[in-house]
Amino acid sequence: MRVFFSCLLAFLLLCPGLSSFARAEEDPLRLLQKRTAAINSLSADFEQETDIPLFSAPVTSQGRFLYQSPAHLRWEYRKPYRSGFIISGETGLNWEGDQKPRFFKVAENPQASLIFKQISARLRFDPAAAEKEYKVTLTTSSPLTVVLEPRQAEVAAVLRSLTFVFTEEGVAESVTVDEAGGGRTRISFTNVRLNPAIDPGEFQKP
C-alpha cells in the first residue's frame, strides 16, 4: 500500500492555507483551487505509522517527499529501511535497500501512471472533480479537519475514509487512511516547504 499512500500525499501537500479559507466568506475549496495554481514545487519530511490488524504494534517509518513541476517526484523511506521511487517525466526509478536501482517506463507501469495522474490533477485542484470521487466533509474548524469518503463501490471496498488535519497556520499536518479491512495508516508531516529550489539531481538517482 505504500505507493497508494504516496498518491494521497500529493493531495495533502497541495492544500496550503485551507484553515484561513475556512474563515472566509468564499467557499474554502474554491479558494484552494485558486491558491494551488501558484505551486511549482514541494518538499516535506514525514513519519508514517501503520496499524495492521494481525500485528500487535504499529509499524513506523520515516522519509521525505519532493515534487517539481511538471513531472518530477521523489518519494523516499529512510528509516528503518531505505526504499523509494523517482518519477522524472516518462521514466522512473525504484530501489530497495542496497539492491541495484531498477529503471522503468511510466507508461508501462500502472502504479506510476496512477501517481502521475493524481499529482497532475491535485496540482490544479478542482472541487467539482473531487466531489465526483469523494464525499467531502469539513468536520471541525479548530483544528481544521476534512474527511473524504469514496463514492465508488470498488474504492470503498478497500478504503473507508481519508482524514486530513491542518495547523492553525494552514499547513498540512497529517492524513489518516482508514482501510475497509480495519487497517489504519497515519502520515504526519514536518518541514513542509512550498516552491523551494530543488536540486535536479534529486530526480536522477537514489
N, C-alpha and C. Protein backbone atom coordinates (compact mmCIF):
# COMPACT_ATOMS: atom_id res chain seq x y z
N MET A 1 0.81 -1.22 0.00
CA MET A 1 0.00 0.00 0.00
C MET A 1 0.85 1.28 0.00
N ARG A 2 2.18 1.17 0.05
CA ARG A 2 2.99 2.38 0.13
C ARG A 2 2.78 3.28 -1.07
N VAL A 3 2.73 2.70 -2.27
CA VAL A 3 2.52 3.51 -3.46
C VAL A 3 1.19 4.24 -3.38
N PHE A 4 0.16 3.56 -2.87
CA PHE A 4 -1.15 4.18 -2.71
C PHE A 4 -1.07 5.39 -1.78
N PHE A 5 -0.34 5.27 -0.67
CA PHE A 5 -0.23 6.38 0.27
C PHE A 5 0.48 7.57 -0.35
N SER A 6 1.42 7.31 -1.24
CA SER A 6 2.11 8.42 -1.88
C SER A 6 1.17 9.23 -2.76
N CYS A 7 0.19 8.57 -3.35
CA CYS A 7 -0.81 9.30 -4.13
C CYS A 7 -1.61 10.23 -3.24
N LEU A 8 -1.92 9.78 -2.04
CA LEU A 8 -2.67 10.60 -1.11
C LEU A 8 -1.87 11.82 -0.69
N LEU A 9 -0.57 11.62 -0.54
CA LEU A 9 0.28 12.72 -0.12
C LEU A 9 0.21 13.86 -1.11
N ALA A 10 0.12 13.54 -2.39
CA ALA A 10 0.04 14.59 -3.39
C ALA A 10 -1.14 15.52 -3.12
N PHE A 11 -2.30 14.95 -2.79
CA PHE A 11 -3.46 15.78 -2.46
C PHE A 11 -3.23 16.58 -1.19
N LEU A 12 -2.67 15.95 -0.18
CA LEU A 12 -2.48 16.60 1.11
C LEU A 12 -1.59 17.83 1.02
N LEU A 13 -0.43 17.67 0.39
CA LEU A 13 0.53 18.77 0.37
C LEU A 13 0.09 19.90 -0.55
N LEU A 14 -0.87 19.67 -1.40
CA LEU A 14 -1.33 20.72 -2.30
C LEU A 14 -2.53 21.44 -1.73
N CYS A 15 -2.62 21.52 -0.40
CA CYS A 15 -3.73 22.19 0.26
C CYS A 15 -3.25 23.25 1.24
N PRO A 16 -2.34 24.17 0.89
CA PRO A 16 -1.86 25.16 1.83
C PRO A 16 -2.92 26.22 2.12
N GLY A 17 -2.90 26.73 3.34
CA GLY A 17 -3.75 27.86 3.68
C GLY A 17 -5.22 27.55 3.82
N LEU A 18 -5.61 26.30 3.93
CA LEU A 18 -7.02 25.96 3.95
C LEU A 18 -7.70 26.44 5.22
N SER A 19 -7.00 26.49 6.37
CA SER A 19 -7.65 26.92 7.60
C SER A 19 -8.03 28.39 7.54
N SER A 20 -7.24 29.20 6.84
CA SER A 20 -7.63 30.59 6.67
C SER A 20 -8.83 30.70 5.73
N PHE A 21 -8.91 29.78 4.76
CA PHE A 21 -10.05 29.77 3.86
C PHE A 21 -11.34 29.49 4.61
N ALA A 22 -11.27 28.65 5.66
CA ALA A 22 -12.47 28.25 6.38
C ALA A 22 -13.14 29.45 7.05
N ARG A 23 -12.38 30.52 7.30
CA ARG A 23 -12.94 31.69 7.94
C ARG A 23 -13.38 32.74 6.92
N ALA A 24 -13.15 32.46 5.63
CA ALA A 24 -13.52 33.42 4.60
C ALA A 24 -14.95 33.19 4.14
N GLU A 25 -15.51 34.24 3.50
CA GLU A 25 -16.88 34.12 3.02
C GLU A 25 -16.95 33.21 1.80
N GLU A 26 -15.94 33.25 0.95
CA GLU A 26 -15.94 32.40 -0.24
C GLU A 26 -15.72 30.95 0.16
N ASP A 27 -16.29 30.05 -0.64
CA ASP A 27 -16.16 28.62 -0.39
C ASP A 27 -14.68 28.25 -0.27
N PRO A 28 -14.26 27.59 0.85
CA PRO A 28 -12.84 27.29 1.06
C PRO A 28 -12.23 26.42 -0.02
N LEU A 29 -12.99 25.50 -0.59
CA LEU A 29 -12.43 24.64 -1.62
C LEU A 29 -12.22 25.39 -2.93
N ARG A 30 -13.07 26.39 -3.20
CA ARG A 30 -12.87 27.22 -4.39
C ARG A 30 -11.63 28.10 -4.22
N LEU A 31 -11.41 28.60 -3.02
CA LEU A 31 -10.21 29.38 -2.76
C LEU A 31 -8.96 28.51 -2.86
N LEU A 32 -9.09 27.25 -2.44
CA LEU A 32 -8.00 26.31 -2.58
C LEU A 32 -7.61 26.13 -4.04
N GLN A 33 -8.59 26.05 -4.89
CA GLN A 33 -8.35 25.88 -6.32
C GLN A 33 -7.51 27.05 -6.86
N LYS A 34 -7.80 28.27 -6.42
CA LYS A 34 -7.04 29.43 -6.84
C LYS A 34 -5.62 29.39 -6.30
N ARG A 35 -5.46 29.01 -5.02
CA ARG A 35 -4.16 29.01 -4.39
C ARG A 35 -3.20 27.99 -5.02
N THR A 36 -3.68 26.82 -5.36
CA THR A 36 -2.80 25.77 -5.88
C THR A 36 -2.26 26.09 -7.26
N ALA A 37 -2.87 27.03 -7.96
CA ALA A 37 -2.39 27.39 -9.28
C ALA A 37 -0.98 27.97 -9.23
N ALA A 38 -0.53 28.45 -8.06
CA ALA A 38 0.78 29.08 -7.92
C ALA A 38 1.87 28.12 -7.45
N ILE A 39 1.54 26.85 -7.25
CA ILE A 39 2.51 25.89 -6.72
C ILE A 39 3.30 25.23 -7.84
N ASN A 40 4.63 25.33 -7.74
CA ASN A 40 5.51 24.72 -8.73
C ASN A 40 6.38 23.62 -8.14
N SER A 41 6.64 23.66 -6.83
CA SER A 41 7.46 22.62 -6.20
C SER A 41 7.07 22.49 -4.74
N LEU A 42 7.38 21.30 -4.17
CA LEU A 42 7.03 20.98 -2.79
C LEU A 42 8.10 20.10 -2.18
N SER A 43 8.30 20.22 -0.86
CA SER A 43 9.16 19.28 -0.15
C SER A 43 8.64 19.13 1.27
N ALA A 44 8.84 17.96 1.87
CA ALA A 44 8.40 17.72 3.24
C ALA A 44 9.07 16.48 3.79
N ASP A 45 9.21 16.43 5.12
CA ASP A 45 9.59 15.20 5.82
C ASP A 45 8.31 14.56 6.34
N PHE A 46 8.32 13.25 6.55
CA PHE A 46 7.12 12.61 7.07
C PHE A 46 7.46 11.44 7.98
N GLU A 47 6.51 11.12 8.85
CA GLU A 47 6.57 9.89 9.64
C GLU A 47 5.28 9.14 9.39
N GLN A 48 5.40 7.88 9.06
CA GLN A 48 4.24 7.06 8.73
C GLN A 48 4.07 5.95 9.76
N GLU A 49 2.90 5.88 10.36
CA GLU A 49 2.60 4.84 11.36
C GLU A 49 1.42 4.02 10.86
N THR A 50 1.65 2.72 10.70
CA THR A 50 0.64 1.84 10.13
C THR A 50 0.20 0.79 11.14
N ASP A 51 -1.11 0.72 11.39
CA ASP A 51 -1.69 -0.31 12.24
C ASP A 51 -2.22 -1.42 11.34
N ILE A 52 -1.67 -2.61 11.50
CA ILE A 52 -2.09 -3.77 10.73
C ILE A 52 -2.81 -4.73 11.68
N PRO A 53 -4.05 -5.13 11.36
CA PRO A 53 -4.85 -5.95 12.28
C PRO A 53 -4.12 -7.16 12.86
N LEU A 54 -3.24 -7.82 12.09
CA LEU A 54 -2.58 -9.03 12.57
C LEU A 54 -1.33 -8.73 13.40
N PHE A 55 -0.91 -7.46 13.45
CA PHE A 55 0.30 -7.10 14.19
C PHE A 55 -0.06 -6.53 15.55
N SER A 56 0.75 -6.81 16.56
CA SER A 56 0.46 -6.33 17.92
C SER A 56 0.87 -4.88 18.13
N ALA A 57 1.79 -4.37 17.29
CA ALA A 57 2.26 -2.99 17.42
C ALA A 57 2.31 -2.33 16.05
N PRO A 58 2.11 -1.03 15.98
CA PRO A 58 2.16 -0.35 14.69
C PRO A 58 3.55 -0.37 14.07
N VAL A 59 3.59 -0.31 12.77
CA VAL A 59 4.85 -0.25 12.02
C VAL A 59 5.13 1.21 11.70
N THR A 60 6.32 1.70 12.08
CA THR A 60 6.65 3.11 11.89
C THR A 60 7.82 3.26 10.92
N SER A 61 7.71 4.24 10.04
CA SER A 61 8.79 4.54 9.11
C SER A 61 8.87 6.05 8.91
N GLN A 62 10.03 6.51 8.43
CA GLN A 62 10.27 7.93 8.22
C GLN A 62 10.87 8.16 6.85
N GLY A 63 10.60 9.33 6.29
CA GLY A 63 11.14 9.61 4.97
C GLY A 63 10.92 11.04 4.55
N ARG A 64 11.01 11.27 3.25
CA ARG A 64 10.80 12.61 2.72
C ARG A 64 10.16 12.53 1.34
N PHE A 65 9.62 13.68 0.91
CA PHE A 65 8.86 13.79 -0.33
C PHE A 65 9.32 15.05 -1.07
N LEU A 66 9.55 14.93 -2.38
CA LEU A 66 9.91 16.08 -3.21
C LEU A 66 9.08 16.07 -4.47
N TYR A 67 8.65 17.25 -4.91
CA TYR A 67 7.91 17.36 -6.18
C TYR A 67 8.34 18.62 -6.90
N GLN A 68 8.57 18.48 -8.20
CA GLN A 68 8.91 19.62 -9.04
C GLN A 68 8.06 19.57 -10.31
N SER A 69 7.32 20.62 -10.58
CA SER A 69 6.51 20.68 -11.80
C SER A 69 7.43 20.69 -13.03
N PRO A 70 7.02 20.05 -14.12
CA PRO A 70 5.69 19.49 -14.33
C PRO A 70 5.57 17.99 -14.03
N ALA A 71 6.67 17.25 -13.93
CA ALA A 71 6.53 15.79 -13.83
C ALA A 71 7.70 15.13 -13.11
N HIS A 72 8.09 15.66 -11.95
CA HIS A 72 9.20 15.09 -11.19
C HIS A 72 8.76 14.84 -9.75
N LEU A 73 8.95 13.61 -9.31
CA LEU A 73 8.50 13.20 -7.98
C LEU A 73 9.54 12.29 -7.34
N ARG A 74 9.81 12.50 -6.05
CA ARG A 74 10.67 11.60 -5.27
C ARG A 74 9.95 11.28 -3.97
N TRP A 75 9.70 9.98 -3.74
CA TRP A 75 9.07 9.50 -2.51
C TRP A 75 10.05 8.52 -1.88
N GLU A 76 10.57 8.84 -0.71
CA GLU A 76 11.70 8.10 -0.16
C GLU A 76 11.52 7.75 1.31
N TYR A 77 11.65 6.45 1.63
CA TYR A 77 11.70 5.99 3.02
C TYR A 77 13.16 5.90 3.44
N ARG A 78 13.49 6.46 4.61
CA ARG A 78 14.88 6.45 5.09
C ARG A 78 15.06 5.57 6.32
N LYS A 79 14.04 5.42 7.14
CA LYS A 79 14.10 4.59 8.34
C LYS A 79 12.80 3.81 8.46
N PRO A 80 12.84 2.55 8.93
CA PRO A 80 14.02 1.78 9.34
C PRO A 80 14.80 1.18 8.17
N TYR A 81 14.19 1.19 6.96
CA TYR A 81 14.86 0.64 5.78
C TYR A 81 14.80 1.66 4.65
N ARG A 82 15.82 1.64 3.81
CA ARG A 82 15.87 2.53 2.66
C ARG A 82 15.08 1.93 1.51
N SER A 83 14.16 2.72 0.97
CA SER A 83 13.45 2.33 -0.24
C SER A 83 12.78 3.57 -0.80
N GLY A 84 12.33 3.47 -2.04
CA GLY A 84 11.65 4.62 -2.61
C GLY A 84 11.56 4.53 -4.11
N PHE A 85 11.06 5.60 -4.71
CA PHE A 85 10.98 5.66 -6.16
C PHE A 85 11.06 7.11 -6.62
N ILE A 86 11.44 7.27 -7.88
CA ILE A 86 11.52 8.56 -8.53
C ILE A 86 10.74 8.49 -9.83
N ILE A 87 9.97 9.53 -10.13
CA ILE A 87 9.36 9.67 -11.45
C ILE A 87 9.93 10.95 -12.05
N SER A 88 10.46 10.85 -13.24
CA SER A 88 11.04 12.00 -13.93
C SER A 88 10.58 11.98 -15.38
N GLY A 89 9.50 12.70 -15.64
CA GLY A 89 8.94 12.70 -16.98
C GLY A 89 8.35 11.36 -17.33
N GLU A 90 8.84 10.73 -18.39
CA GLU A 90 8.30 9.47 -18.87
C GLU A 90 9.01 8.25 -18.30
N THR A 91 10.04 8.47 -17.49
CA THR A 91 10.79 7.34 -16.93
C THR A 91 10.77 7.38 -15.41
N GLY A 92 11.10 6.25 -14.80
CA GLY A 92 11.11 6.16 -13.35
C GLY A 92 12.24 5.29 -12.85
N LEU A 93 12.44 5.31 -11.54
CA LEU A 93 13.50 4.54 -10.88
C LEU A 93 13.01 4.15 -9.50
N ASN A 94 13.17 2.88 -9.11
CA ASN A 94 12.83 2.49 -7.74
C ASN A 94 13.96 1.67 -7.14
N TRP A 95 14.00 1.63 -5.81
CA TRP A 95 15.09 0.94 -5.12
C TRP A 95 14.63 0.39 -3.77
N GLU A 96 15.33 -0.64 -3.31
CA GLU A 96 15.09 -1.28 -2.02
C GLU A 96 16.43 -1.56 -1.37
N GLY A 97 16.73 -0.91 -0.25
CA GLY A 97 17.98 -1.15 0.46
C GLY A 97 19.20 -0.96 -0.42
N ASP A 98 20.08 -1.96 -0.41
CA ASP A 98 21.33 -1.88 -1.18
C ASP A 98 21.21 -2.54 -2.55
N GLN A 99 20.00 -2.95 -2.91
CA GLN A 99 19.83 -3.58 -4.21
C GLN A 99 20.03 -2.56 -5.33
N LYS A 100 20.39 -3.04 -6.48
CA LYS A 100 20.61 -2.17 -7.62
C LYS A 100 19.29 -1.50 -8.02
N PRO A 101 19.28 -0.18 -8.21
CA PRO A 101 18.05 0.52 -8.62
C PRO A 101 17.52 -0.04 -9.94
N ARG A 102 16.20 -0.03 -10.10
CA ARG A 102 15.56 -0.55 -11.30
C ARG A 102 14.87 0.59 -12.04
N PHE A 103 15.13 0.71 -13.33
CA PHE A 103 14.51 1.74 -14.16
C PHE A 103 13.22 1.18 -14.77
N PHE A 104 12.27 2.07 -15.04
CA PHE A 104 11.03 1.65 -15.68
C PHE A 104 10.45 2.81 -16.48
N LYS A 105 9.55 2.48 -17.39
CA LYS A 105 8.82 3.48 -18.15
C LYS A 105 7.47 3.73 -17.47
N VAL A 106 7.17 4.98 -17.23
CA VAL A 106 5.93 5.32 -16.53
C VAL A 106 4.72 4.78 -17.27
N ALA A 107 4.71 4.88 -18.59
CA ALA A 107 3.56 4.43 -19.38
C ALA A 107 3.31 2.94 -19.26
N GLU A 108 4.36 2.16 -18.93
CA GLU A 108 4.23 0.72 -18.82
C GLU A 108 4.06 0.25 -17.38
N ASN A 109 3.96 1.20 -16.44
CA ASN A 109 3.82 0.87 -15.01
C ASN A 109 2.51 1.46 -14.51
N PRO A 110 1.46 0.66 -14.31
CA PRO A 110 0.15 1.18 -13.90
C PRO A 110 0.20 2.00 -12.62
N GLN A 111 1.00 1.57 -11.63
CA GLN A 111 1.07 2.31 -10.38
C GLN A 111 1.71 3.68 -10.59
N ALA A 112 2.80 3.74 -11.35
CA ALA A 112 3.46 5.01 -11.62
C ALA A 112 2.54 5.94 -12.43
N SER A 113 1.81 5.37 -13.38
CA SER A 113 0.88 6.17 -14.17
C SER A 113 -0.21 6.77 -13.28
N LEU A 114 -0.67 5.99 -12.31
CA LEU A 114 -1.70 6.48 -11.39
C LEU A 114 -1.16 7.64 -10.55
N ILE A 115 0.07 7.49 -10.06
CA ILE A 115 0.68 8.54 -9.26
C ILE A 115 0.77 9.83 -10.06
N PHE A 116 1.28 9.71 -11.30
CA PHE A 116 1.43 10.89 -12.15
C PHE A 116 0.07 11.56 -12.39
N LYS A 117 -0.94 10.75 -12.65
CA LYS A 117 -2.28 11.28 -12.90
C LYS A 117 -2.82 12.00 -11.68
N GLN A 118 -2.65 11.41 -10.49
CA GLN A 118 -3.16 12.02 -9.27
C GLN A 118 -2.47 13.35 -8.97
N ILE A 119 -1.16 13.39 -9.13
CA ILE A 119 -0.43 14.63 -8.85
C ILE A 119 -0.83 15.72 -9.83
N SER A 120 -0.94 15.37 -11.09
CA SER A 120 -1.34 16.36 -12.09
C SER A 120 -2.71 16.94 -11.78
N ALA A 121 -3.62 16.07 -11.33
CA ALA A 121 -4.98 16.52 -11.01
C ALA A 121 -4.99 17.40 -9.78
N ARG A 122 -4.22 17.03 -8.73
CA ARG A 122 -4.26 17.76 -7.48
C ARG A 122 -3.53 19.10 -7.55
N LEU A 123 -2.53 19.20 -8.47
CA LEU A 123 -1.85 20.48 -8.61
C LEU A 123 -2.82 21.57 -9.02
N ARG A 124 -3.78 21.23 -9.83
CA ARG A 124 -4.83 22.17 -10.21
C ARG A 124 -6.13 21.66 -9.62
N PHE A 125 -6.22 21.77 -8.29
CA PHE A 125 -7.32 21.16 -7.54
C PHE A 125 -8.67 21.64 -8.05
N ASP A 126 -9.53 20.72 -8.38
CA ASP A 126 -10.86 21.01 -8.91
C ASP A 126 -11.89 20.44 -7.93
N PRO A 127 -12.57 21.32 -7.14
CA PRO A 127 -13.54 20.83 -6.16
C PRO A 127 -14.64 19.98 -6.77
N ALA A 128 -15.11 20.38 -7.96
CA ALA A 128 -16.18 19.62 -8.60
C ALA A 128 -15.72 18.20 -8.93
N ALA A 129 -14.48 18.07 -9.40
CA ALA A 129 -13.95 16.74 -9.72
C ALA A 129 -13.77 15.91 -8.46
N ALA A 130 -13.31 16.55 -7.37
CA ALA A 130 -13.13 15.84 -6.10
C ALA A 130 -14.46 15.31 -5.58
N GLU A 131 -15.50 16.12 -5.72
CA GLU A 131 -16.83 15.71 -5.24
C GLU A 131 -17.38 14.54 -6.03
N LYS A 132 -16.94 14.36 -7.26
CA LYS A 132 -17.39 13.21 -8.05
C LYS A 132 -16.81 11.92 -7.51
N GLU A 133 -15.60 11.98 -6.95
CA GLU A 133 -14.93 10.79 -6.45
C GLU A 133 -15.15 10.56 -4.97
N TYR A 134 -15.35 11.66 -4.21
CA TYR A 134 -15.46 11.55 -2.75
C TYR A 134 -16.59 12.43 -2.21
N LYS A 135 -17.15 12.00 -1.10
CA LYS A 135 -17.98 12.88 -0.30
C LYS A 135 -17.02 13.68 0.58
N VAL A 136 -16.99 15.00 0.43
CA VAL A 136 -16.04 15.86 1.13
C VAL A 136 -16.75 16.58 2.27
N THR A 137 -16.26 16.39 3.50
CA THR A 137 -16.88 16.98 4.68
C THR A 137 -15.86 17.73 5.52
N LEU A 138 -16.12 19.02 5.81
CA LEU A 138 -15.31 19.78 6.75
C LEU A 138 -15.92 19.54 8.13
N THR A 139 -15.26 18.77 8.99
CA THR A 139 -15.86 18.33 10.24
C THR A 139 -15.63 19.28 11.41
N THR A 140 -14.43 19.86 11.52
CA THR A 140 -14.15 20.80 12.60
C THR A 140 -13.32 21.96 12.05
N SER A 141 -13.38 23.10 12.72
CA SER A 141 -12.62 24.27 12.29
C SER A 141 -11.37 24.50 13.13
N SER A 142 -11.27 23.86 14.32
CA SER A 142 -10.10 24.05 15.17
C SER A 142 -9.77 22.74 15.89
N PRO A 143 -8.81 21.94 15.36
CA PRO A 143 -8.11 22.19 14.11
C PRO A 143 -9.00 21.89 12.90
N LEU A 144 -8.68 22.52 11.80
CA LEU A 144 -9.46 22.29 10.59
C LEU A 144 -9.28 20.84 10.16
N THR A 145 -10.39 20.10 10.04
CA THR A 145 -10.35 18.69 9.70
C THR A 145 -11.28 18.42 8.53
N VAL A 146 -10.76 17.77 7.51
CA VAL A 146 -11.52 17.45 6.30
C VAL A 146 -11.54 15.94 6.12
N VAL A 147 -12.72 15.37 5.91
CA VAL A 147 -12.87 13.92 5.72
C VAL A 147 -13.37 13.65 4.31
N LEU A 148 -12.71 12.71 3.62
CA LEU A 148 -13.11 12.28 2.29
C LEU A 148 -13.55 10.82 2.36
N GLU A 149 -14.74 10.53 1.84
CA GLU A 149 -15.25 9.17 1.79
C GLU A 149 -15.54 8.81 0.34
N PRO A 150 -14.98 7.71 -0.17
CA PRO A 150 -15.13 7.35 -1.58
C PRO A 150 -16.57 7.06 -1.96
N ARG A 151 -16.93 7.50 -3.15
CA ARG A 151 -18.28 7.27 -3.66
C ARG A 151 -18.36 5.97 -4.46
N GLN A 152 -17.26 5.58 -5.12
CA GLN A 152 -17.28 4.38 -5.95
C GLN A 152 -17.15 3.13 -5.09
N ALA A 153 -17.98 2.15 -5.39
CA ALA A 153 -18.03 0.93 -4.58
C ALA A 153 -16.70 0.18 -4.57
N GLU A 154 -16.02 0.15 -5.74
CA GLU A 154 -14.75 -0.59 -5.79
C GLU A 154 -13.68 0.06 -4.94
N VAL A 155 -13.72 1.39 -4.81
CA VAL A 155 -12.76 2.09 -3.95
C VAL A 155 -13.16 1.91 -2.49
N ALA A 156 -14.46 2.02 -2.20
CA ALA A 156 -14.95 1.87 -0.84
C ALA A 156 -14.70 0.46 -0.29
N ALA A 157 -14.55 -0.51 -1.19
CA ALA A 157 -14.26 -1.88 -0.75
C ALA A 157 -12.87 -1.98 -0.14
N VAL A 158 -12.00 -1.02 -0.46
CA VAL A 158 -10.63 -1.01 0.05
C VAL A 158 -10.41 0.12 1.05
N LEU A 159 -11.00 1.28 0.74
CA LEU A 159 -10.76 2.50 1.52
C LEU A 159 -12.05 2.98 2.17
N ARG A 160 -12.03 3.14 3.50
CA ARG A 160 -13.21 3.65 4.19
C ARG A 160 -13.23 5.18 4.19
N SER A 161 -12.10 5.80 4.53
CA SER A 161 -12.07 7.26 4.55
C SER A 161 -10.64 7.78 4.62
N LEU A 162 -10.50 9.06 4.26
CA LEU A 162 -9.26 9.82 4.42
C LEU A 162 -9.57 11.01 5.30
N THR A 163 -8.75 11.24 6.32
CA THR A 163 -8.96 12.37 7.22
C THR A 163 -7.73 13.26 7.20
N PHE A 164 -7.93 14.53 6.81
CA PHE A 164 -6.83 15.49 6.73
C PHE A 164 -6.96 16.51 7.86
N VAL A 165 -5.84 16.82 8.52
CA VAL A 165 -5.82 17.80 9.61
C VAL A 165 -4.80 18.88 9.26
N PHE A 166 -5.19 20.16 9.49
CA PHE A 166 -4.34 21.29 9.18
C PHE A 166 -4.04 22.09 10.45
N THR A 167 -2.85 22.70 10.50
CA THR A 167 -2.47 23.53 11.64
C THR A 167 -3.21 24.86 11.56
N GLU A 168 -3.11 25.65 12.64
CA GLU A 168 -3.74 26.97 12.66
C GLU A 168 -3.16 27.87 11.58
N GLU A 169 -1.90 27.63 11.21
CA GLU A 169 -1.26 28.44 10.17
C GLU A 169 -1.69 28.02 8.77
N GLY A 170 -2.46 26.95 8.68
CA GLY A 170 -2.92 26.50 7.38
C GLY A 170 -2.00 25.52 6.69
N VAL A 171 -1.04 24.94 7.42
CA VAL A 171 -0.12 23.96 6.83
C VAL A 171 -0.65 22.55 7.07
N ALA A 172 -0.56 21.71 6.05
CA ALA A 172 -1.00 20.33 6.20
C ALA A 172 -0.20 19.65 7.30
N GLU A 173 -0.88 19.04 8.26
CA GLU A 173 -0.23 18.43 9.42
C GLU A 173 -0.23 16.92 9.36
N SER A 174 -1.34 16.32 8.94
CA SER A 174 -1.41 14.86 8.90
C SER A 174 -2.54 14.38 8.01
N VAL A 175 -2.42 13.11 7.60
CA VAL A 175 -3.51 12.43 6.90
C VAL A 175 -3.64 11.05 7.51
N THR A 176 -4.88 10.63 7.76
CA THR A 176 -5.14 9.29 8.29
C THR A 176 -5.94 8.50 7.25
N VAL A 177 -5.44 7.34 6.91
CA VAL A 177 -6.08 6.47 5.93
C VAL A 177 -6.72 5.31 6.68
N ASP A 178 -8.04 5.24 6.66
CA ASP A 178 -8.76 4.12 7.28
C ASP A 178 -9.20 3.15 6.19
N GLU A 179 -8.67 1.94 6.25
CA GLU A 179 -8.99 0.94 5.25
C GLU A 179 -10.26 0.18 5.62
N ALA A 180 -10.94 -0.30 4.62
CA ALA A 180 -12.20 -1.03 4.86
C ALA A 180 -11.97 -2.29 5.67
N GLY A 181 -10.78 -2.89 5.56
CA GLY A 181 -10.49 -4.12 6.28
C GLY A 181 -10.04 -3.93 7.71
N GLY A 182 -9.98 -2.68 8.17
CA GLY A 182 -9.61 -2.42 9.56
C GLY A 182 -8.23 -1.83 9.76
N GLY A 183 -7.38 -1.85 8.75
CA GLY A 183 -6.06 -1.25 8.89
C GLY A 183 -6.13 0.27 8.90
N ARG A 184 -5.13 0.90 9.48
CA ARG A 184 -5.09 2.36 9.53
C ARG A 184 -3.65 2.83 9.38
N THR A 185 -3.46 3.87 8.58
CA THR A 185 -2.15 4.49 8.42
C THR A 185 -2.28 5.99 8.66
N ARG A 186 -1.38 6.52 9.48
CA ARG A 186 -1.36 7.96 9.75
C ARG A 186 0.00 8.50 9.32
N ILE A 187 -0.01 9.51 8.46
CA ILE A 187 1.21 10.14 8.00
C ILE A 187 1.24 11.57 8.54
N SER A 188 2.29 11.90 9.31
CA SER A 188 2.46 13.23 9.87
C SER A 188 3.58 13.94 9.12
N PHE A 189 3.38 15.24 8.84
CA PHE A 189 4.32 15.99 8.02
C PHE A 189 5.00 17.11 8.81
N THR A 190 6.28 17.30 8.54
CA THR A 190 7.03 18.40 9.13
C THR A 190 7.90 19.03 8.05
N ASN A 191 8.37 20.23 8.33
CA ASN A 191 9.25 20.94 7.40
C ASN A 191 8.65 21.04 6.00
N VAL A 192 7.35 21.30 5.92
CA VAL A 192 6.69 21.46 4.63
C VAL A 192 7.12 22.79 4.01
N ARG A 193 7.60 22.74 2.77
CA ARG A 193 8.04 23.94 2.07
C ARG A 193 7.35 24.03 0.72
N LEU A 194 6.82 25.20 0.42
CA LEU A 194 6.16 25.44 -0.85
C LEU A 194 7.10 26.20 -1.78
N ASN A 195 7.21 25.73 -3.01
CA ASN A 195 8.04 26.35 -4.04
C ASN A 195 9.51 26.50 -3.66
N PRO A 196 10.12 25.47 -3.05
CA PRO A 196 11.55 25.54 -2.77
C PRO A 196 12.36 25.27 -4.05
N ALA A 197 13.61 25.69 -4.06
CA ALA A 197 14.52 25.32 -5.15
C ALA A 197 15.02 23.90 -4.88
N ILE A 198 14.82 22.99 -5.83
CA ILE A 198 15.19 21.58 -5.66
C ILE A 198 16.30 21.24 -6.64
N ASP A 199 17.34 20.60 -6.15
CA ASP A 199 18.46 20.16 -6.97
C ASP A 199 17.96 19.12 -7.99
N PRO A 200 18.16 19.35 -9.29
CA PRO A 200 17.70 18.37 -10.30
C PRO A 200 18.25 16.97 -10.07
N GLY A 201 19.40 16.85 -9.41
CA GLY A 201 19.98 15.55 -9.15
C GLY A 201 19.12 14.68 -8.24
N GLU A 202 18.22 15.29 -7.48
CA GLU A 202 17.32 14.53 -6.61
C GLU A 202 16.41 13.61 -7.42
N PHE A 203 16.19 13.93 -8.68
CA PHE A 203 15.29 13.14 -9.52
C PHE A 203 16.03 12.26 -10.51
N GLN A 204 17.33 12.03 -10.24
CA GLN A 204 18.14 11.25 -11.16
C GLN A 204 18.70 9.97 -10.55
N LYS A 205 18.87 9.92 -9.20
CA LYS A 205 19.45 8.74 -8.58
C LYS A 205 19.01 8.65 -7.11
N PRO A 206 19.06 7.45 -6.49
CA PRO A 206 18.65 7.27 -5.10
C PRO A 206 19.48 8.13 -4.16
